[in-house]
Amino acid sequence: MKVTPISFRAACDFVQQLHRHNKPPRGHKFSVGLRNDAGELVGVAMAGRPIARHFDDGLTLEVNRTCTDGTKNANSMLYGAVRGAGLERADAAVKQIIYAPISQHSTKPWEARQRLERLYGDVSRIELFSRCDVPGWDHWGNECPQSNIALTPETFSKTLSAPSQNVVTMNYTAP
């Protein structure tokens, strides 16, 4: 299957023909189509401004409608296409299922971190709701001994500790 650009009109026609209970949206920012190996359109995703005015900040995009003909994994591919490319895999042989003994409540298995490191290679990593410090990972959580990430709705800041123990703080404030 292949993701392709599609016009608003063609996406609306597809939704009108196949969607059981929803009409096509009134507008969009962009639409993507999904075609099978024979070139037939098997699904569409339409992305636009958020429906809720509270979230319409000029930075937020919402998937307003998806529709498929029932082709397996079509919706997942469409959501992935709307979201964007994501990270390239460094090792595609990494298994997704982890068998690990039960430990402390909500503690992540050590193997999960190792597999993520193998899967994506040398990239920035963050563990949310962390309970411990892990070398090579940013961490945030109310049970973490020392979080080096501060997350608030309007700002993002990260404190970096250099080898000489100089501390650098990067700040980002939403417009």
C-alpha atoms as a PDB file:
ATOM      1  CA  MET A   1       0.000   0.000   0.000  1.00  0.00           C
ATOM      2  CA  LYS A   2       1.128   3.522  -0.699  1.00  0.00           C
ATOM      3  CA  VAL A   3       0.126   6.878   0.813  1.00  0.00           C
ATOM      4  CA  THR A   4      -0.644   9.539  -1.794  1.00  0.00           C
ATOM      5  CA  PRO A   5      -1.909  13.122  -1.758  1.00  0.00           C
ATOM      6  CA  ILE A   6      -5.596  13.474  -2.578  1.00  0.00           C
ATOM      7  CA  SER A   7      -7.849  16.433  -3.273  1.00  0.00           C
ATOM      8  CA  PHE A   8     -10.465  17.555  -0.788  1.00  0.00           C
ATOM      9  CA  ARG A   9     -13.234  16.801  -3.278  1.00  0.00           C
ATOM     10  CA  ALA A  10     -11.993  13.237  -3.948  1.00  0.00           C
ATOM     11  CA  ALA A  11     -11.623  12.571  -0.197  1.00  0.00           C
ATOM     12  CA  CYS A  12     -15.157  13.885   0.436  1.00  0.00           C
ATOM     13  CA  ASP A  13     -16.548  11.671  -2.334  1.00  0.00           C
ATOM     14  CA  PHE A  14     -14.827   8.617  -0.798  1.00  0.00           C
ATOM     15  CA  VAL A  15     -16.206   9.420   2.679  1.00  0.00           C
ATOM     16  CA  GLN A  16     -19.698  10.066   1.277  1.00  0.00           C
ATOM     17  CA  GLN A  17     -19.664   6.717  -0.503  1.00  0.00           C
ATOM     18  CA  LEU A  18     -18.237   4.498   2.267  1.00  0.00           C
ATOM     19  CA  HIS A  19     -18.669   6.082   5.706  1.00  0.00           C
ATOM     20  CA  ARG A  20     -21.612   4.586   7.567  1.00  0.00           C
ATOM     21  CA  HIS A  21     -22.653   7.462   9.809  1.00  0.00           C
ATOM     22  CA  ASN A  22     -20.529  10.592   9.324  1.00  0.00           C
ATOM     23  CA  LYS A  23     -20.646  13.125   6.539  1.00  0.00           C
ATOM     24  CA  PRO A  24     -17.445  14.572   5.072  1.00  0.00           C
ATOM     25  CA  PRO A  25     -16.018  17.544   7.005  1.00  0.00           C
ATOM     26  CA  ARG A  26     -16.677  21.057   5.694  1.00  0.00           C
ATOM     27  CA  GLY A  27     -13.035  21.962   5.259  1.00  0.00           C
ATOM     28  CA  HIS A  28      -9.495  20.721   5.713  1.00  0.00           C
ATOM     29  CA  LYS A  29      -5.847  21.715   5.713  1.00  0.00           C
ATOM     30  CA  PHE A  30      -4.826  18.609   3.754  1.00  0.00           C
ATOM     31  CA  SER A  31      -5.989  15.102   2.913  1.00  0.00           C
ATOM     32  CA  VAL A  32      -4.095  11.895   2.193  1.00  0.00           C
ATOM     33  CA  GLY A  33      -5.236   8.806   0.368  1.00  0.00           C
ATOM     34  CA  LEU A  34      -4.082   5.211   0.661  1.00  0.00           C
ATOM     35  CA  ARG A  35      -3.873   3.097  -2.476  1.00  0.00           C
ATOM     36  CA  ASN A  36      -3.398  -0.660  -2.702  1.00  0.00           C
ATOM     37  CA  ASP A  37      -0.903  -2.349  -5.025  1.00  0.00           C
ATOM     38  CA  ALA A  38      -3.445  -2.204  -7.865  1.00  0.00           C
ATOM     39  CA  GLY A  39      -3.704   1.595  -7.463  1.00  0.00           C
ATOM     40  CA  GLU A  40      -7.248   1.496  -6.055  1.00  0.00           C
ATOM     41  CA  LEU A  41      -8.141   4.003  -3.337  1.00  0.00           C
ATOM     42  CA  VAL A  42      -8.743   2.033  -0.105  1.00  0.00           C
ATOM     43  CA  GLY A  43      -8.769   4.845   2.470  1.00  0.00           C
ATOM     44  CA  VAL A  44      -8.559   8.571   3.158  1.00  0.00           C
ATOM     45  CA  ALA A  45      -7.652  10.778   6.110  1.00  0.00           C
ATOM     46  CA  MET A  46      -8.665  14.423   6.325  1.00  0.00           C
ATOM     47  CA  ALA A  47      -6.796  16.749   8.680  1.00  0.00           C
ATOM     48  CA  GLY A  48      -7.814  20.264   9.621  1.00  0.00           C
ATOM     49  CA  ARG A  49      -8.365  22.757  12.381  1.00  0.00           C
ATOM     50  CA  PRO A  50      -9.552  21.352  15.715  1.00  0.00           C
ATOM     51  CA  ILE A  51     -13.316  21.187  16.167  1.00  0.00           C
ATOM     52  CA  ALA A  52     -13.074  22.491  19.763  1.00  0.00           C
ATOM     53  CA  ARG A  53     -12.317  26.234  19.702  1.00  0.00           C
ATOM     54  CA  HIS A  54     -10.218  25.910  22.866  1.00  0.00           C
ATOM     55  CA  PHE A  55      -7.611  23.864  20.964  1.00  0.00           C
ATOM     56  CA  ASP A  56      -7.621  26.043  17.842  1.00  0.00           C
ATOM     57  CA  ASP A  57      -4.362  27.828  18.661  1.00  0.00           C
ATOM     58  CA  GLY A  58      -2.925  27.874  15.144  1.00  0.00           C
ATOM     59  CA  LEU A  59      -0.448  25.103  16.044  1.00  0.00           C
ATOM     60  CA  THR A  60      -2.791  22.162  16.548  1.00  0.00           C
ATOM     61  CA  LEU A  61      -3.931  19.873  13.769  1.00  0.00           C
ATOM     62  CA  GLU A  62      -6.769  17.380  14.175  1.00  0.00           C
ATOM     63  CA  VAL A  63      -7.660  14.344  12.111  1.00  0.00           C
ATOM     64  CA  ASN A  64     -11.243  15.298  11.302  1.00  0.00           C
ATOM     65  CA  ARG A  65     -12.179  12.138   9.437  1.00  0.00           C
ATOM     66  CA  THR A  66     -10.754   8.802   8.347  1.00  0.00           C
ATOM     67  CA  CYS A  67     -12.520   6.302   6.154  1.00  0.00           C
ATOM     68  CA  THR A  68     -11.406   2.962   4.708  1.00  0.00           C
ATOM     69  CA  ASP A  69     -12.964   0.154   2.742  1.00  0.00           C
ATOM     70  CA  GLY A  70     -11.953  -2.275   5.504  1.00  0.00           C
ATOM     71  CA  THR A  71      -8.452  -3.030   4.222  1.00  0.00           C
ATOM     72  CA  LYS A  72      -6.301  -4.366   7.076  1.00  0.00           C
ATOM     73  CA  ASN A  73      -4.035  -1.757   8.742  1.00  0.00           C
ATOM     74  CA  ALA A  74      -5.249   1.018   6.423  1.00  0.00           C
ATOM     75  CA  ASN A  75      -6.357   3.315   9.256  1.00  0.00           C
ATOM     76  CA  SER A  76      -3.032   2.931  11.063  1.00  0.00           C
ATOM     77  CA  MET A  77      -1.131   3.822   7.901  1.00  0.00           C
ATOM     78  CA  LEU A  78      -3.346   6.876   7.372  1.00  0.00           C
ATOM     79  CA  TYR A  79      -2.837   8.138  10.932  1.00  0.00           C
ATOM     80  CA  GLY A  80       0.902   7.600  10.552  1.00  0.00           C
ATOM     81  CA  ALA A  81       0.897   9.545   7.290  1.00  0.00           C
ATOM     82  CA  VAL A  82      -0.943  12.487   8.850  1.00  0.00           C
ATOM     83  CA  ARG A  83       1.364  12.518  11.868  1.00  0.00           C
ATOM     84  CA  GLY A  84       4.556  12.456   9.819  1.00  0.00           C
ATOM     85  CA  ALA A  85       7.590  10.337   9.238  1.00  0.00           C
ATOM     86  CA  GLY A  86       8.741   9.634  12.792  1.00  0.00           C
ATOM     87  CA  LEU A  87      12.091   8.097  13.607  1.00  0.00           C
ATOM     88  CA  GLU A  88      13.887   5.749  11.273  1.00  0.00           C
ATOM     89  CA  ARG A  89      14.553   2.316  12.743  1.00  0.00           C
ATOM     90  CA  ALA A  90      18.194   1.478  13.379  1.00  0.00           C
ATOM     91  CA  ASP A  91      17.391  -2.227  13.952  1.00  0.00           C
ATOM     92  CA  ALA A  92      14.182  -3.654  12.493  1.00  0.00           C
ATOM     93  CA  ALA A  93      14.711  -7.008  14.242  1.00  0.00           C
ATOM     94  CA  VAL A  94      13.698  -5.653  17.661  1.00  0.00           C
ATOM     95  CA  LYS A  95      10.689  -7.578  19.005  1.00  0.00           C
ATOM     96  CA  GLN A  96       7.701  -5.660  20.396  1.00  0.00           C
ATOM     97  CA  ILE A  97       6.523  -8.133  23.058  1.00  0.00           C
ATOM     98  CA  ILE A  98       8.427  -8.205  26.331  1.00  0.00           C
ATOM     99  CA  TYR A  99       8.121 -11.030  28.858  1.00  0.00           C
ATOM    100  CA  ALA A 100       9.330  -9.755  32.222  1.00  0.00           C
ATOM    101  CA  PRO A 101       8.696 -10.637  35.847  1.00  0.00           C
ATOM    102  CA  ILE A 102       6.302  -8.438  37.786  1.00  0.00           C
ATOM    103  CA  SER A 103       8.128  -5.768  39.760  1.00  0.00           C
ATOM    104  CA  GLN A 104       7.195  -2.581  41.596  1.00  0.00           C
ATOM    105  CA  HIS A 105       3.911  -1.009  40.488  1.00  0.00           C
ATOM    106  CA  SER A 106       4.243   0.825  37.128  1.00  0.00           C
ATOM    107  CA  THR A 107       8.000   0.254  36.906  1.00  0.00           C
ATOM    108  CA  LYS A 108       9.074  -0.261  33.313  1.00  0.00           C
ATOM    109  CA  PRO A 109      11.149  -3.361  32.571  1.00  0.00           C
ATOM    110  CA  TRP A 110      14.840  -2.598  31.937  1.00  0.00           C
ATOM    111  CA  GLU A 111      14.548  -4.529  28.685  1.00  0.00           C
ATOM    112  CA  ALA A 112      12.091  -1.952  27.293  1.00  0.00           C
ATOM    113  CA  ARG A 113      14.742   0.772  27.478  1.00  0.00           C
ATOM    114  CA  GLN A 114      17.376  -1.487  25.934  1.00  0.00           C
ATOM    115  CA  ARG A 115      15.087  -2.412  23.060  1.00  0.00           C
ATOM    116  CA  LEU A 116      14.212   1.226  22.389  1.00  0.00           C
ATOM    117  CA  GLU A 117      17.914   2.083  22.305  1.00  0.00           C
ATOM    118  CA  ARG A 118      18.528  -0.739  19.795  1.00  0.00           C
ATOM    119  CA  LEU A 119      15.437   0.136  17.760  1.00  0.00           C
ATOM    120  CA  TYR A 120      16.198   3.840  17.256  1.00  0.00           C
ATOM    121  CA  GLY A 121      19.944   4.075  17.831  1.00  0.00           C
ATOM    122  CA  ASP A 122      21.625   7.196  19.206  1.00  0.00           C
ATOM    123  CA  VAL A 123      18.751   9.699  19.560  1.00  0.00           C
ATOM    124  CA  SER A 124      17.428  11.835  22.406  1.00  0.00           C
ATOM    125  CA  ARG A 125      15.238   9.807  24.773  1.00  0.00           C
ATOM    126  CA  ILE A 126      12.807  10.717  27.528  1.00  0.00           C
ATOM    127  CA  GLU A 127      11.078   8.507  30.047  1.00  0.00           C
ATOM    128  CA  LEU A 128       7.860  10.034  31.354  1.00  0.00           C
ATOM    129  CA  PHE A 129       6.581   9.102  34.828  1.00  0.00           C
ATOM    130  CA  SER A 130      10.058   7.844  35.628  1.00  0.00           C
ATOM    131  CA  ARG A 131      10.928   6.303  38.988  1.00  0.00           C
ATOM    132  CA  CYS A 132      14.716   6.306  38.544  1.00  0.00           C
ATOM    133  CA  ASP A 133      17.595   7.981  36.730  1.00  0.00           C
ATOM    134  CA  VAL A 134      18.834   6.072  33.697  1.00  0.00           C
ATOM    135  CA  PRO A 135      22.085   7.082  31.959  1.00  0.00           C
ATOM    136  CA  GLY A 136      21.503   8.401  28.434  1.00  0.00           C
ATOM    137  CA  TRP A 137      17.832   9.204  29.086  1.00  0.00           C
ATOM    138  CA  ASP A 138      16.047  12.381  30.061  1.00  0.00           C
ATOM    139  CA  HIS A 139      13.594  11.634  32.815  1.00  0.00           C
ATOM    140  CA  TRP A 140      10.531  13.242  34.312  1.00  0.00           C
ATOM    141  CA  GLY A 141       8.292  12.025  37.106  1.00  0.00           C
ATOM    142  CA  ASN A 142       7.130  12.876  40.586  1.00  0.00           C
ATOM    143  CA  GLU A 143       8.850   9.765  42.006  1.00  0.00           C
ATOM    144  CA  CYS A 144      12.121  10.361  40.177  1.00  0.00           C
ATOM    145  CA  PRO A 145      14.974  11.448  42.477  1.00  0.00           C
ATOM    146  CA  GLN A 146      15.860  14.331  40.164  1.00  0.00           C
ATOM    147  CA  SER A 147      13.980  15.200  36.967  1.00  0.00           C
ATOM    148  CA  ASN A 148      15.984  17.059  34.331  1.00  0.00           C
ATOM    149  CA  ILE A 149      12.861  17.992  32.314  1.00  0.00           C
ATOM    150  CA  ALA A 150      10.232  20.531  33.354  1.00  0.00           C
ATOM    151  CA  LEU A 151       6.916  20.135  31.563  1.00  0.00           C
ATOM    152  CA  THR A 152       4.162  22.717  31.820  1.00  0.00           C
ATOM    153  CA  PRO A 153       1.388  23.578  29.355  1.00  0.00           C
ATOM    154  CA  GLU A 154       3.059  26.772  28.146  1.00  0.00           C
ATOM    155  CA  THR A 155       6.762  25.976  28.464  1.00  0.00           C
ATOM    156  CA  PHE A 156       9.332  23.251  28.027  1.00  0.00           C
ATOM    157  CA  SER A 157      12.757  23.372  29.567  1.00  0.00           C
ATOM    158  CA  LYS A 158      15.604  20.895  29.768  1.00  0.00           C
ATOM    159  CA  THR A 159      18.575  21.064  32.093  1.00  0.00           C
ATOM    160  CA  LEU A 160      21.777  19.602  30.690  1.00  0.00           C
ATOM    161  CA  SER A 161      24.669  18.567  32.886  1.00  0.00           C
ATOM    162  CA  ALA A 162      27.927  18.773  30.981  1.00  0.00           C
ATOM    163  CA  PRO A 163      30.905  16.550  31.899  1.00  0.00           C
ATOM    164  CA  SER A 164      32.471  19.502  33.733  1.00  0.00           C
ATOM    165  CA  GLN A 165      29.213  19.720  35.763  1.00  0.00           C
ATOM    166  CA  ASN A 166      28.319  23.077  34.252  1.00  0.00           C
ATOM    167  CA  VAL A 167      24.534  23.285  34.034  1.00  0.00           C
ATOM    168  CA  VAL A 168      22.822  24.620  30.934  1.00  0.00           C
ATOM    169  CA  THR A 169      19.061  25.201  30.735  1.00  0.00           C
ATOM    170  CA  MET A 170      17.219  25.407  27.416  1.00  0.00           C
ATOM    171  CA  ASN A 171      13.783  27.022  27.459  1.00  0.00           C
ATOM    172  CA  TYR A 172      10.979  27.048  24.940  1.00  0.00           C
ATOM    173  CA  THR A 173       7.821  29.079  25.414  1.00  0.00           C
ATOM    174  CA  ALA A 174       4.776  28.482  23.254  1.00  0.00           C
ATOM    175  CA  PRO A 175       3.688  31.501  21.200  1.00  0.00           C
END
